[in-house]
C-alpha cells in the first residue's frame, strides 16, 4: 500500500468517524450476507483494524461493533480515504470540465486541488470588527441616529454569529478557475491559526448545495440565524460607504453573493 504523509490544517474527526462507521457497517453486512449463505457456523473478524473489530457466531446474531478511540487522525483519515476509493465514492477532480460539473450531485464527496481564501463575507466581518472597535473608542456610536444605531446593533449581532459558527472561505480549483466552492469552517477543527488557511491545499468535502444557473445566493444565508432579505443586505452594505480609508475599500453586493457555476460544500479535511 502506498504511504501518503499528510499535514492537516483542518480536520473534522467527528464526520470522519461517522462516515467510517456507516461505510464499514455496510461492508460488514455485505460480508455477513455472503458468508451465511453457506449455512456454516463461523466465527470471524471483518473491517479495517484498528478502527473497528467485529466478532460473531451463529449467523452473526451477536455482532459487536467497537471503534477504538486510540486511532490517530492520520490513520482514521487514511482508512476512510482507502474505503472511499475502493467503493468508488471519492471523486478526485484534478480538472473540472463542464460535463463533469453537470454530473456532480448533492451528497457527492470530492477531493480538490484548490486555492483557499477568505470569502467576501469573511473579509467584511474583519472590517466590521475593526470598524466597530474604532467607533467605540472614539465614542461615535453614542451620537448616531436611531436607524444607524440599529444598523450597528445588527452588525454586532452578525459579527458574533460568525465568531460562533465558523470561518467563511472560498475554494477555487487551481486547474478550473471558473468554478467556485464556498464553505464554513468550524474554528475548533483548525489545526493551526486562521491565517494559515490561505494558500493551496487538497480539500476533501461533501456537496451540500448546487447553485442553479439563474440563481444568486447571498453568502449571509450561510450563517445560521442571519435571516436577511436583499433590501436589508443592501442597507447593511451602504452603511459602510463612508468608512474611513484606513479600513480598505467599502464592500459591494457582488462580493457577498455566489452565482453559477458554484456549490456550497461541507468540509471534511484540508491538507497538504
C-alpha atoms as a PDB file:
ATOM      1  CA  UNK A   1       0.000   0.000   0.000  1.00  0.00           C
ATOM      2  CA  UNK A   2       1.283   3.441  -0.904  1.00  0.00           C
ATOM      3  CA  UNK A   3       2.257   5.517   2.130  1.00  0.00           C
ATOM      4  CA  UNK A   4       0.940   9.083   1.991  1.00  0.00           C
ATOM      5  CA  UNK A   5       2.109  11.652   4.531  1.00  0.00           C
ATOM      6  CA  UNK A   6      -0.387  14.475   5.044  1.00  0.00           C
ATOM      7  CA  UNK A   7      -0.232  17.694   7.024  1.00  0.00           C
ATOM      8  CA  UNK A   8      -3.714  18.722   8.104  1.00  0.00           C
ATOM      9  CA  UNK A   9      -4.746  22.335   8.532  1.00  0.00           C
ATOM     10  CA  UNK A  10      -8.403  21.395   9.008  1.00  0.00           C
ATOM     11  CA  UNK A  11      -9.774  18.066  10.246  1.00  0.00           C
ATOM     12  CA  UNK A  12     -13.343  17.156  11.208  1.00  0.00           C
ATOM     13  CA  UNK A  13     -12.809  13.963  13.212  1.00  0.00           C
ATOM     14  CA  UNK A  14     -16.488  13.581  14.071  1.00  0.00           C
ATOM     15  CA  UNK A  15     -17.503  13.480  10.405  1.00  0.00           C
ATOM     16  CA  UNK A  16     -14.666  11.111   9.522  1.00  0.00           C
ATOM     17  CA  UNK A  17     -15.637   8.689  12.309  1.00  0.00           C
ATOM     18  CA  UNK A  18     -19.306   8.889  11.272  1.00  0.00           C
ATOM     19  CA  UNK A  19     -18.521   8.152   7.622  1.00  0.00           C
ATOM     20  CA  UNK A  20     -16.233   5.264   8.594  1.00  0.00           C
ATOM     21  CA  UNK A  21     -18.866   3.672  10.809  1.00  0.00           C
ATOM     22  CA  UNK A  22     -21.506   3.956   8.070  1.00  0.00           C
ATOM     23  CA  UNK A  23     -19.281   2.511   5.324  1.00  0.00           C
ATOM     24  CA  UNK A  24     -17.771  -0.224   7.498  1.00  0.00           C
ATOM     25  CA  UNK A  25     -21.176  -1.361   8.741  1.00  0.00           C
ATOM     26  CA  UNK A  26     -22.399  -1.602   5.157  1.00  0.00           C
ATOM     27  CA  UNK A  27     -19.370  -3.660   4.156  1.00  0.00           C
ATOM     28  CA  UNK A  28     -19.744  -5.919   7.194  1.00  0.00           C
ATOM     29  CA  UNK A  29     -23.411  -6.516   6.429  1.00  0.00           C
ATOM     30  CA  UNK A  30     -22.483  -7.492   2.879  1.00  0.00           C
ATOM     31  CA  UNK A  31     -19.874  -9.875   4.236  1.00  0.00           C
ATOM     32  CA  UNK A  32     -22.345 -11.393   6.700  1.00  0.00           C
ATOM     33  CA  UNK A  33     -24.910 -11.989   3.953  1.00  0.00           C
ATOM     34  CA  UNK A  34     -22.338 -13.666   1.749  1.00  0.00           C
ATOM     35  CA  UNK A  35     -20.858 -15.878   4.408  1.00  0.00           C
ATOM     36  CA  UNK A  36     -24.106 -17.051   5.995  1.00  0.00           C
ATOM     37  CA  UNK A  37     -25.454 -18.309   2.664  1.00  0.00           C
ATOM     38  CA  UNK A  38     -23.321 -21.414   3.189  1.00  0.00           C
ATOM     39  CA  UNK A  39     -25.157 -22.227   6.427  1.00  0.00           C
ATOM     40  CA  UNK A  40     -21.916 -22.823   8.278  1.00  0.00           C
ATOM     41  CA  UNK A  41     -21.398 -21.737  11.877  1.00  0.00           C
ATOM     42  CA  UNK A  42     -18.423 -19.419  11.749  1.00  0.00           C
ATOM     43  CA  UNK A  43     -16.587 -17.012  13.949  1.00  0.00           C
ATOM     44  CA  UNK A  44     -14.506 -14.316  12.345  1.00  0.00           C
ATOM     45  CA  UNK A  45     -13.352 -10.765  12.070  1.00  0.00           C
ATOM     46  CA  UNK A  46     -14.027  -8.079   9.488  1.00  0.00           C
ATOM     47  CA  UNK A  47     -13.296  -4.435   8.906  1.00  0.00           C
ATOM     48  CA  UNK A  48     -10.133  -2.392   8.883  1.00  0.00           C
ATOM     49  CA  UNK A  49      -8.047  -2.635  12.021  1.00  0.00           C
ATOM     50  CA  UNK A  50      -7.709  -0.760  14.310  1.00  0.00           C
ATOM     51  CA  UNK A  51     -10.856   1.205  13.522  1.00  0.00           C
ATOM     52  CA  UNK A  52     -13.425  -1.471  14.373  1.00  0.00           C
ATOM     53  CA  UNK A  53     -13.441  -5.088  15.440  1.00  0.00           C
ATOM     54  CA  UNK A  54     -16.304  -7.443  14.689  1.00  0.00           C
ATOM     55  CA  UNK A  55     -16.737 -10.851  16.272  1.00  0.00           C
ATOM     56  CA  UNK A  56     -19.733 -13.134  15.770  1.00  0.00           C
ATOM     57  CA  UNK A  57     -21.103 -16.629  15.517  1.00  0.00           C
ATOM     58  CA  UNK A  58     -24.435 -18.360  14.738  1.00  0.00           C
ATOM     59  CA  UNK A  59     -25.210 -16.284  11.683  1.00  0.00           C
ATOM     60  CA  UNK A  60     -23.635 -13.213  13.228  1.00  0.00           C
ATOM     61  CA  UNK A  61     -26.644 -12.664  15.511  1.00  0.00           C
ATOM     62  CA  UNK A  62     -24.441 -11.196  18.238  1.00  0.00           C
ATOM     63  CA  UNK A  63     -22.327  -8.806  16.223  1.00  0.00           C
ATOM     64  CA  UNK A  64     -20.340  -6.337  18.256  1.00  0.00           C
ATOM     65  CA  UNK A  65     -19.139  -3.104  16.695  1.00  0.00           C
ATOM     66  CA  UNK A  66     -16.422  -1.236  18.550  1.00  0.00           C
ATOM     67  CA  UNK A  67     -14.451   1.810  17.466  1.00  0.00           C
ATOM     68  CA  UNK A  68     -11.035   2.175  19.043  1.00  0.00           C
ATOM     69  CA  UNK A  69     -10.543   5.782  20.139  1.00  0.00           C
ATOM     70  CA  UNK A  70      -6.758   5.349  20.161  1.00  0.00           C
ATOM     71  CA  UNK A  71      -6.643   5.686  16.381  1.00  0.00           C
ATOM     72  CA  UNK A  72      -4.777   8.774  15.236  1.00  0.00           C
ATOM     73  CA  UNK A  73      -6.269  11.443  13.000  1.00  0.00           C
ATOM     74  CA  UNK A  74      -3.943  10.382  10.200  1.00  0.00           C
ATOM     75  CA  UNK A  75      -4.839   6.672  10.416  1.00  0.00           C
ATOM     76  CA  UNK A  76      -8.574   7.366  10.579  1.00  0.00           C
ATOM     77  CA  UNK A  77      -8.386   9.581   7.521  1.00  0.00           C
ATOM     78  CA  UNK A  78      -6.244   7.087   5.578  1.00  0.00           C
ATOM     79  CA  UNK A  79      -8.752   4.316   6.282  1.00  0.00           C
ATOM     80  CA  UNK A  80     -11.648   6.495   5.172  1.00  0.00           C
ATOM     81  CA  UNK A  81      -9.747   7.580   2.057  1.00  0.00           C
ATOM     82  CA  UNK A  82      -8.919   3.964   1.166  1.00  0.00           C
ATOM     83  CA  UNK A  83     -12.510   2.816   1.656  1.00  0.00           C
ATOM     84  CA  UNK A  84     -13.961   5.683  -0.361  1.00  0.00           C
ATOM     85  CA  UNK A  85     -11.567   4.948  -3.202  1.00  0.00           C
ATOM     86  CA  UNK A  86     -12.273   1.232  -3.090  1.00  0.00           C
ATOM     87  CA  UNK A  87     -16.035   1.777  -3.147  1.00  0.00           C
ATOM     88  CA  UNK A  88     -15.785   4.478  -5.882  1.00  0.00           C
ATOM     89  CA  UNK A  89     -17.272   7.064  -3.516  1.00  0.00           C
ATOM     90  CA  UNK A  90     -14.499   9.665  -3.819  1.00  0.00           C
ATOM     91  CA  UNK A  91     -14.435  11.928  -6.865  1.00  0.00           C
ATOM     92  CA  UNK A  92     -10.881  13.287  -7.226  1.00  0.00           C
ATOM     93  CA  UNK A  93     -11.145  16.254  -9.576  1.00  0.00           C
ATOM     94  CA  UNK A  94      -7.793  17.425 -10.937  1.00  0.00           C
ATOM     95  CA  UNK A  95      -9.531  19.289 -13.747  1.00  0.00           C
ATOM     96  CA  UNK A  96     -13.253  20.042 -13.947  1.00  0.00           C
ATOM     97  CA  UNK A  97     -14.874  20.025 -17.356  1.00  0.00           C
ATOM     98  CA  UNK A  98     -18.371  21.354 -17.943  1.00  0.00           C
ATOM     99  CA  UNK A  99     -19.700  17.824 -18.443  1.00  0.00           C
ATOM    100  CA  UNK A 100     -18.090  16.642 -15.175  1.00  0.00           C
ATOM    101  CA  UNK A 101     -19.552  19.630 -13.322  1.00  0.00           C
ATOM    102  CA  UNK A 102     -23.040  18.831 -14.605  1.00  0.00           C
ATOM    103  CA  UNK A 103     -22.728  15.257 -13.339  1.00  0.00           C
ATOM    104  CA  UNK A 104     -21.971  16.254  -9.735  1.00  0.00           C
ATOM    105  CA  UNK A 105     -24.794  15.758  -7.250  1.00  0.00           C
ATOM    106  CA  UNK A 106     -25.726  16.760  -3.741  1.00  0.00           C
ATOM    107  CA  UNK A 107     -24.042  14.361  -1.311  1.00  0.00           C
ATOM    108  CA  UNK A 108     -21.040  13.582  -3.550  1.00  0.00           C
ATOM    109  CA  UNK A 109     -17.662  13.502  -1.811  1.00  0.00           C
ATOM    110  CA  UNK A 110     -14.965  15.425  -3.670  1.00  0.00           C
ATOM    111  CA  UNK A 111     -11.207  15.817  -3.447  1.00  0.00           C
ATOM    112  CA  UNK A 112      -9.985  19.099  -4.916  1.00  0.00           C
ATOM    113  CA  UNK A 113      -6.570  20.641  -5.501  1.00  0.00           C
ATOM    114  CA  UNK A 114      -7.577  24.187  -4.679  1.00  0.00           C
ATOM    115  CA  UNK A 115      -6.667  27.676  -3.598  1.00  0.00           C
ATOM    116  CA  UNK A 116      -8.335  28.690  -0.338  1.00  0.00           C
ATOM    117  CA  UNK A 117      -9.057  32.304   0.528  1.00  0.00           C
ATOM    118  CA  UNK A 118     -11.432  34.159   2.802  1.00  0.00           C
ATOM    119  CA  UNK A 119     -14.754  34.939   1.157  1.00  0.00           C
ATOM    120  CA  UNK A 120     -16.093  38.461   0.719  1.00  0.00           C
ATOM    121  CA  UNK A 121     -18.251  37.834   3.772  1.00  0.00           C
ATOM    122  CA  UNK A 122     -15.280  36.909   5.965  1.00  0.00           C
ATOM    123  CA  UNK A 123     -13.378  39.973   4.759  1.00  0.00           C
ATOM    124  CA  UNK A 124     -16.414  42.130   5.517  1.00  0.00           C
ATOM    125  CA  UNK A 125     -16.638  40.853   9.064  1.00  0.00           C
ATOM    126  CA  UNK A 126     -12.940  41.509   9.597  1.00  0.00           C
ATOM    127  CA  UNK A 127     -13.684  45.112   8.622  1.00  0.00           C
ATOM    128  CA  UNK A 128     -16.675  45.127  10.981  1.00  0.00           C
ATOM    129  CA  UNK A 129     -14.523  44.141  13.939  1.00  0.00           C
ATOM    130  CA  UNK A 130     -12.024  46.911  13.230  1.00  0.00           C
ATOM    131  CA  UNK A 131     -14.701  49.478  12.394  1.00  0.00           C
ATOM    132  CA  UNK A 132     -16.887  48.847  15.443  1.00  0.00           C
ATOM    133  CA  UNK A 133     -13.856  48.915  17.739  1.00  0.00           C
ATOM    134  CA  UNK A 134     -12.846  52.218  16.153  1.00  0.00           C
ATOM    135  CA  UNK A 135     -16.310  53.745  16.656  1.00  0.00           C
ATOM    136  CA  UNK A 136     -16.488  52.599  20.251  1.00  0.00           C
ATOM    137  CA  UNK A 137     -13.065  54.042  21.024  1.00  0.00           C
ATOM    138  CA  UNK A 138     -13.977  57.492  19.703  1.00  0.00           C
ATOM    139  CA  UNK A 139     -17.480  57.343  21.193  1.00  0.00           C
ATOM    140  CA  UNK A 140     -19.076  57.949  17.809  1.00  0.00           C
ATOM    141  CA  UNK A 141     -21.753  55.271  18.212  1.00  0.00           C
ATOM    142  CA  UNK A 142     -23.370  57.268  21.037  1.00  0.00           C
ATOM    143  CA  UNK A 143     -24.099  60.179  18.668  1.00  0.00           C
ATOM    144  CA  UNK A 144     -25.768  58.112  15.900  1.00  0.00           C
ATOM    145  CA  UNK A 145     -29.393  58.493  14.958  1.00  0.00           C
ATOM    146  CA  UNK A 146     -31.799  55.647  15.694  1.00  0.00           C
ATOM    147  CA  UNK A 147     -31.506  53.974  12.276  1.00  0.00           C
ATOM    148  CA  UNK A 148     -27.716  53.887  12.365  1.00  0.00           C
ATOM    149  CA  UNK A 149     -27.780  52.618  15.937  1.00  0.00           C
ATOM    150  CA  UNK A 150     -29.995  49.760  14.772  1.00  0.00           C
ATOM    151  CA  UNK A 151     -27.583  49.025  11.929  1.00  0.00           C
ATOM    152  CA  UNK A 152     -24.628  48.953  14.312  1.00  0.00           C
ATOM    153  CA  UNK A 153     -26.521  46.692  16.714  1.00  0.00           C
ATOM    154  CA  UNK A 154     -27.237  44.338  13.807  1.00  0.00           C
ATOM    155  CA  UNK A 155     -23.577  44.426  12.786  1.00  0.00           C
ATOM    156  CA  UNK A 156     -22.504  43.354  16.260  1.00  0.00           C
ATOM    157  CA  UNK A 157     -25.020  40.504  16.317  1.00  0.00           C
ATOM    158  CA  UNK A 158     -23.932  39.249  12.889  1.00  0.00           C
ATOM    159  CA  UNK A 159     -20.303  39.532  13.908  1.00  0.00           C
ATOM    160  CA  UNK A 160     -20.970  37.360  16.955  1.00  0.00           C
ATOM    161  CA  UNK A 161     -22.807  34.822  14.800  1.00  0.00           C
ATOM    162  CA  UNK A 162     -19.776  34.457  12.540  1.00  0.00           C
ATOM    163  CA  UNK A 163     -17.452  34.078  15.508  1.00  0.00           C
ATOM    164  CA  UNK A 164     -19.707  31.342  16.895  1.00  0.00           C
ATOM    165  CA  UNK A 165     -20.450  29.489  13.675  1.00  0.00           C
ATOM    166  CA  UNK A 166     -17.253  29.488  11.661  1.00  0.00           C
ATOM    167  CA  UNK A 167     -14.965  30.906   9.015  1.00  0.00           C
ATOM    168  CA  UNK A 168     -16.426  31.532   5.574  1.00  0.00           C
ATOM    169  CA  UNK A 169     -14.000  30.561   2.796  1.00  0.00           C
ATOM    170  CA  UNK A 170     -13.907  30.425  -0.990  1.00  0.00           C
ATOM    171  CA  UNK A 171     -12.345  27.336  -2.588  1.00  0.00           C
ATOM    172  CA  UNK A 172     -11.147  27.641  -6.186  1.00  0.00           C
ATOM    173  CA  UNK A 173      -9.767  24.574  -8.050  1.00  0.00           C
ATOM    174  CA  UNK A 174      -6.290  25.505  -9.301  1.00  0.00           C
ATOM    175  CA  UNK A 175      -6.867  23.987 -12.768  1.00  0.00           C
ATOM    176  CA  UNK A 176     -10.502  25.074 -13.165  1.00  0.00           C
ATOM    177  CA  UNK A 177     -10.716  28.700 -12.087  1.00  0.00           C
ATOM    178  CA  UNK A 178     -14.259  29.349 -13.355  1.00  0.00           C
ATOM    179  CA  UNK A 179     -15.751  27.001 -10.757  1.00  0.00           C
ATOM    180  CA  UNK A 180     -16.224  28.139  -7.162  1.00  0.00           C
ATOM    181  CA  UNK A 181     -16.963  26.366  -3.908  1.00  0.00           C
ATOM    182  CA  UNK A 182     -17.910  28.093  -0.662  1.00  0.00           C
ATOM    183  CA  UNK A 183     -17.899  26.668   2.812  1.00  0.00           C
ATOM    184  CA  UNK A 184     -17.948  27.469   6.512  1.00  0.00           C
ATOM    185  CA  UNK A 185     -15.100  26.007   8.560  1.00  0.00           C
ATOM    186  CA  UNK A 186     -15.611  25.225  12.242  1.00  0.00           C
ATOM    187  CA  UNK A 187     -12.848  27.004  14.223  1.00  0.00           C
ATOM    188  CA  UNK A 188     -12.457  24.052  16.641  1.00  0.00           C
ATOM    189  CA  UNK A 189     -11.391  21.840  13.718  1.00  0.00           C
ATOM    190  CA  UNK A 190      -8.477  24.069  12.706  1.00  0.00           C
ATOM    191  CA  UNK A 191      -5.018  22.582  13.194  1.00  0.00           C
ATOM    192  CA  UNK A 192      -3.301  25.960  13.015  1.00  0.00           C
ATOM    193  CA  UNK A 193      -4.263  29.599  13.105  1.00  0.00           C
ATOM    194  CA  UNK A 194      -6.836  31.157  10.808  1.00  0.00           C
ATOM    195  CA  UNK A 195      -4.278  32.865   8.557  1.00  0.00           C
ATOM    196  CA  UNK A 196      -2.581  29.547   7.738  1.00  0.00           C
ATOM    197  CA  UNK A 197      -5.717  28.534   5.817  1.00  0.00           C
ATOM    198  CA  UNK A 198      -4.819  30.863   2.962  1.00  0.00           C
ATOM    199  CA  UNK A 199      -2.958  29.008   0.247  1.00  0.00           C
ATOM    200  CA  UNK A 200      -3.029  25.929  -1.948  1.00  0.00           C
ATOM    201  CA  UNK A 201      -4.315  22.718  -0.369  1.00  0.00           C
ATOM    202  CA  UNK A 202      -6.123  19.493  -1.087  1.00  0.00           C
ATOM    203  CA  UNK A 203      -9.703  19.649   0.133  1.00  0.00           C
ATOM    204  CA  UNK A 204     -11.975  16.715   0.864  1.00  0.00           C
ATOM    205  CA  UNK A 205     -15.561  17.919   1.060  1.00  0.00           C
ATOM    206  CA  UNK A 206     -19.165  16.872   0.513  1.00  0.00           C
ATOM    207  CA  UNK A 207     -21.547  18.709  -1.817  1.00  0.00           C
ATOM    208  CA  UNK A 208     -24.260  20.440   0.211  1.00  0.00           C
ATOM    209  CA  UNK A 209     -25.975  22.625  -2.403  1.00  0.00           C
ATOM    210  CA  UNK A 210     -25.533  23.245  -6.139  1.00  0.00           C
ATOM    211  CA  UNK A 211     -26.231  26.784  -7.306  1.00  0.00           C
ATOM    212  CA  UNK A 212     -28.611  26.883 -10.277  1.00  0.00           C
ATOM    213  CA  UNK A 213     -27.787  28.789 -13.480  1.00  0.00           C
ATOM    214  CA  UNK A 214     -30.306  31.565 -12.755  1.00  0.00           C
ATOM    215  CA  UNK A 215     -29.664  31.715  -9.008  1.00  0.00           C
ATOM    216  CA  UNK A 216     -27.858  34.322  -6.918  1.00  0.00           C
ATOM    217  CA  UNK A 217     -27.189  33.191  -3.393  1.00  0.00           C
ATOM    218  CA  UNK A 218     -26.368  35.618  -0.602  1.00  0.00           C
ATOM    219  CA  UNK A 219     -23.395  34.487   1.466  1.00  0.00           C
ATOM    220  CA  UNK A 220     -25.265  35.767   4.505  1.00  0.00           C
ATOM    221  CA  UNK A 221     -27.512  32.716   4.103  1.00  0.00           C
ATOM    222  CA  UNK A 222     -24.571  30.537   5.127  1.00  0.00           C
ATOM    223  CA  UNK A 223     -24.734  31.976   8.639  1.00  0.00           C
ATOM    224  CA  UNK A 224     -27.250  30.206  10.905  1.00  0.00           C
ATOM    225  CA  UNK A 225     -29.602  32.799  12.387  1.00  0.00           C
ATOM    226  CA  UNK A 226     -28.784  35.505   9.831  1.00  0.00           C
ATOM    227  CA  UNK A 227     -32.151  35.916   8.119  1.00  0.00           C
ATOM    228  CA  UNK A 228     -31.713  38.957   5.882  1.00  0.00           C
ATOM    229  CA  UNK A 229     -33.514  39.758   2.651  1.00  0.00           C
ATOM    230  CA  UNK A 230     -31.845  41.528  -0.272  1.00  0.00           C
ATOM    231  CA  UNK A 231     -33.024  45.003   0.803  1.00  0.00           C
ATOM    232  CA  UNK A 232     -31.663  44.532   4.324  1.00  0.00           C
ATOM    233  CA  UNK A 233     -28.310  43.386   2.945  1.00  0.00           C
ATOM    234  CA  UNK A 234     -28.177  46.412   0.617  1.00  0.00           C
ATOM    235  CA  UNK A 235     -28.831  48.747   3.578  1.00  0.00           C
ATOM    236  CA  UNK A 236     -26.178  46.896   5.525  1.00  0.00           C
ATOM    237  CA  UNK A 237     -23.616  47.338   2.745  1.00  0.00           C
ATOM    238  CA  UNK A 238     -24.493  51.038   2.322  1.00  0.00           C
ATOM    239  CA  UNK A 239     -23.667  51.630   5.981  1.00  0.00           C
ATOM    240  CA  UNK A 240     -20.004  51.114   5.062  1.00  0.00           C
ATOM    241  CA  UNK A 241     -19.877  53.543   2.129  1.00  0.00           C
ATOM    242  CA  UNK A 242     -18.307  56.285   4.235  1.00  0.00           C
ATOM    243  CA  UNK A 243     -15.957  54.002   6.116  1.00  0.00           C
ATOM    244  CA  UNK A 244     -12.521  55.593   6.663  1.00  0.00           C
ATOM    245  CA  UNK A 245      -9.923  54.657   4.030  1.00  0.00           C
ATOM    246  CA  UNK A 246      -7.777  53.042   6.722  1.00  0.00           C
ATOM    247  CA  UNK A 247     -10.195  50.086   6.684  1.00  0.00           C
ATOM    248  CA  UNK A 248      -9.859  49.465   2.955  1.00  0.00           C
ATOM    249  CA  UNK A 249     -12.447  49.687   0.154  1.00  0.00           C
ATOM    250  CA  UNK A 250     -16.131  49.525   1.022  1.00  0.00           C
ATOM    251  CA  UNK A 251     -17.844  46.168   0.358  1.00  0.00           C
ATOM    252  CA  UNK A 252     -20.022  45.625  -2.709  1.00  0.00           C
ATOM    253  CA  UNK A 253     -23.124  43.490  -3.085  1.00  0.00           C
ATOM    254  CA  UNK A 254     -21.429  41.191  -5.610  1.00  0.00           C
ATOM    255  CA  UNK A 255     -18.716  40.444  -3.032  1.00  0.00           C
ATOM    256  CA  UNK A 256     -21.396  38.913  -0.811  1.00  0.00           C
ATOM    257  CA  UNK A 257     -23.022  36.690  -3.421  1.00  0.00           C
ATOM    258  CA  UNK A 258     -22.210  33.491  -5.280  1.00  0.00           C
ATOM    259  CA  UNK A 259     -23.545  32.666  -8.712  1.00  0.00           C
ATOM    260  CA  UNK A 260     -23.357  29.732 -11.124  1.00  0.00           C
ATOM    261  CA  UNK A 261     -21.120  27.787 -11.534  1.00  0.00           C
ATOM    262  CA  UNK A 262     -20.739  27.362  -7.771  1.00  0.00           C
ATOM    263  CA  UNK A 263     -21.503  24.959  -4.952  1.00  0.00           C
ATOM    264  CA  UNK A 264     -21.801  25.020  -1.193  1.00  0.00           C
ATOM    265  CA  UNK A 265     -19.761  22.221   0.353  1.00  0.00           C
ATOM    266  CA  UNK A 266     -19.260  20.730   3.805  1.00  0.00           C
ATOM    267  CA  UNK A 267     -15.540  20.413   4.602  1.00  0.00           C
ATOM    268  CA  UNK A 268     -14.172  17.105   5.891  1.00  0.00           C
ATOM    269  CA  UNK A 269     -10.412  17.715   5.813  1.00  0.00           C
ATOM    270  CA  UNK A 270      -7.934  20.181   4.313  1.00  0.00           C
ATOM    271  CA  UNK A 271      -4.328  19.075   3.937  1.00  0.00           C
ATOM    272  CA  UNK A 272      -1.077  19.122   2.048  1.00  0.00           C
END
